[in-house]
Amino acid sequence: MGNGVTRLIIGAAFLAAFGIGPAAAIAVARPVAGAPLLVVTPPWVDPAATVEAAGGRVIGLGRAPLAVLAAGDAELADRLLDAGAWLVRDGTGIKWMCGGPNG
C-alpha cells in the first residue's frame, strides 16, 4: 500500500470515530428530563429567544448560530418545539464535547 492510501485510510477511520459517530449519536439522542437540551432553530430565528419564549434558560459558555444548550423543566422540550425549534435533543454529549461545565 502506498503512503497516500495509508493516510486516506487513517483519515477516514479518524473521521468515523471522532466526527460522524459522535454527531450521529447526538442527532438521535432523545431529550432526557433534567439533562441539558441541544436546541436547533431555523437560521432566521434567535435560538436564545426561542428558549426564553419556551420558559427555559440558555446554559453553557457560548452558542452556535443555529443552536444553544438549554435547561428547564420536564416539559421544556415540547414547548421548544411549539416555539419553533427544529430539533431538540439530549445535550449531554455536545456539552461534554464542547468542554462545558461538569462536562
Protein backbone atom coordinates (compact mmCIF):
# COMPACT_ATOMS: atom_id res chain seq x y z
CA MET A 1 0.00 0.00 0.00
CA GLY A 2 1.24 3.44 -0.84
CA ASN A 3 1.79 6.14 1.75
CA GLY A 4 -1.14 8.19 0.38
CA VAL A 5 -3.56 5.28 0.65
CA THR A 6 -2.48 4.64 4.24
CA ARG A 7 -3.10 8.29 5.12
CA LEU A 8 -6.51 8.14 3.47
CA ILE A 9 -7.49 5.05 5.46
CA ILE A 10 -6.25 6.57 8.73
CA GLY A 11 -8.05 9.84 7.99
CA ALA A 12 -11.31 8.06 7.18
CA ALA A 13 -11.07 5.99 10.37
CA PHE A 14 -10.38 9.12 12.42
CA LEU A 15 -13.37 10.91 10.89
CA ALA A 16 -15.64 7.94 11.50
CA ALA A 17 -14.52 7.59 15.11
CA PHE A 18 -14.39 11.23 16.15
CA GLY A 19 -16.62 13.06 13.69
CA ILE A 20 -19.51 11.15 12.24
CA GLY A 21 -20.01 8.78 15.18
CA PRO A 22 -20.46 11.39 17.92
CA ALA A 23 -22.51 13.64 15.63
CA ALA A 24 -24.84 10.77 14.78
CA ALA A 25 -25.17 9.81 18.44
CA ILE A 26 -26.13 13.37 19.34
CA ALA A 27 -28.62 13.61 16.47
CA VAL A 28 -30.63 10.64 17.70
CA ALA A 29 -30.34 11.21 21.47
CA ARG A 30 -33.85 11.88 22.77
CA PRO A 31 -34.31 14.60 25.41
CA VAL A 32 -33.93 13.36 28.98
CA ALA A 33 -35.66 15.10 31.89
CA GLY A 34 -33.12 17.06 33.90
CA ALA A 35 -30.39 16.84 31.24
CA PRO A 36 -29.24 19.81 29.16
CA LEU A 37 -31.05 20.14 25.84
CA LEU A 38 -29.49 20.86 22.47
CA VAL A 39 -31.88 23.27 20.73
CA VAL A 40 -31.53 23.81 16.97
CA THR A 41 -33.56 26.56 15.31
CA PRO A 42 -34.06 27.86 11.76
CA PRO A 43 -31.49 30.43 10.56
CA TRP A 44 -33.99 33.31 10.81
CA VAL A 45 -34.76 32.62 14.49
CA ASP A 46 -32.62 33.52 17.51
CA PRO A 47 -32.11 30.26 19.46
CA ALA A 48 -31.79 32.08 22.79
CA ALA A 49 -35.09 33.89 22.20
CA THR A 50 -36.77 30.55 21.41
CA VAL A 51 -35.51 29.08 24.69
CA GLU A 52 -36.68 32.11 26.65
CA ALA A 53 -40.10 32.07 24.92
CA ALA A 54 -40.49 28.43 25.96
CA GLY A 55 -39.70 29.21 29.59
CA GLY A 56 -36.19 27.73 29.65
CA ARG A 57 -32.77 29.22 30.17
CA VAL A 58 -29.67 29.14 28.00
CA ILE A 59 -26.70 27.39 29.61
CA GLY A 60 -23.08 26.99 28.61
CA LEU A 61 -20.30 29.33 27.70
CA GLY A 62 -21.17 30.04 24.10
CA ARG A 63 -23.60 29.44 21.32
CA ALA A 64 -23.64 28.48 17.68
CA PRO A 65 -25.56 30.44 15.04
CA LEU A 66 -28.38 27.89 14.97
CA ALA A 67 -28.13 26.18 18.34
CA VAL A 68 -27.80 26.61 22.09
CA LEU A 69 -27.82 24.42 25.15
CA ALA A 70 -30.83 24.91 27.38
CA ALA A 71 -32.13 23.82 30.76
CA GLY A 72 -35.61 23.80 32.22
CA ASP A 73 -38.40 21.60 33.46
CA ALA A 74 -39.51 18.22 32.11
CA GLU A 75 -41.92 19.73 29.55
CA LEU A 76 -39.39 22.19 28.08
CA ALA A 77 -38.58 20.02 25.05
CA ASP A 78 -42.22 20.04 23.92
CA ARG A 79 -42.55 23.78 24.48
CA LEU A 80 -39.35 24.43 22.50
CA LEU A 81 -40.76 22.56 19.51
CA ASP A 82 -44.02 24.52 19.85
CA ALA A 83 -41.97 27.75 19.98
CA GLY A 84 -40.33 26.98 16.62
CA ALA A 85 -37.25 24.86 17.34
CA TRP A 86 -36.40 22.46 14.52
CA LEU A 87 -34.75 19.90 16.75
CA VAL A 88 -34.49 19.27 20.49
CA ARG A 89 -32.14 16.52 21.67
CA ASP A 90 -30.26 15.46 24.78
CA GLY A 91 -27.41 17.95 25.04
CA THR A 92 -25.23 15.99 27.46
CA GLY A 93 -22.93 14.67 24.72
CA ILE A 94 -22.43 18.01 22.98
CA LYS A 95 -21.87 19.72 26.33
CA TRP A 96 -19.16 17.17 27.08
CA MET A 97 -17.59 17.53 23.60
CA CYS A 98 -17.54 21.33 23.89
CA GLY A 99 -16.00 21.25 27.37
CA GLY A 100 -18.94 22.71 29.21
CA PRO A 101 -19.05 22.92 33.00
CA ASN A 102 -19.10 19.44 34.55
CA GLY A 103 -18.81 18.04 31.05
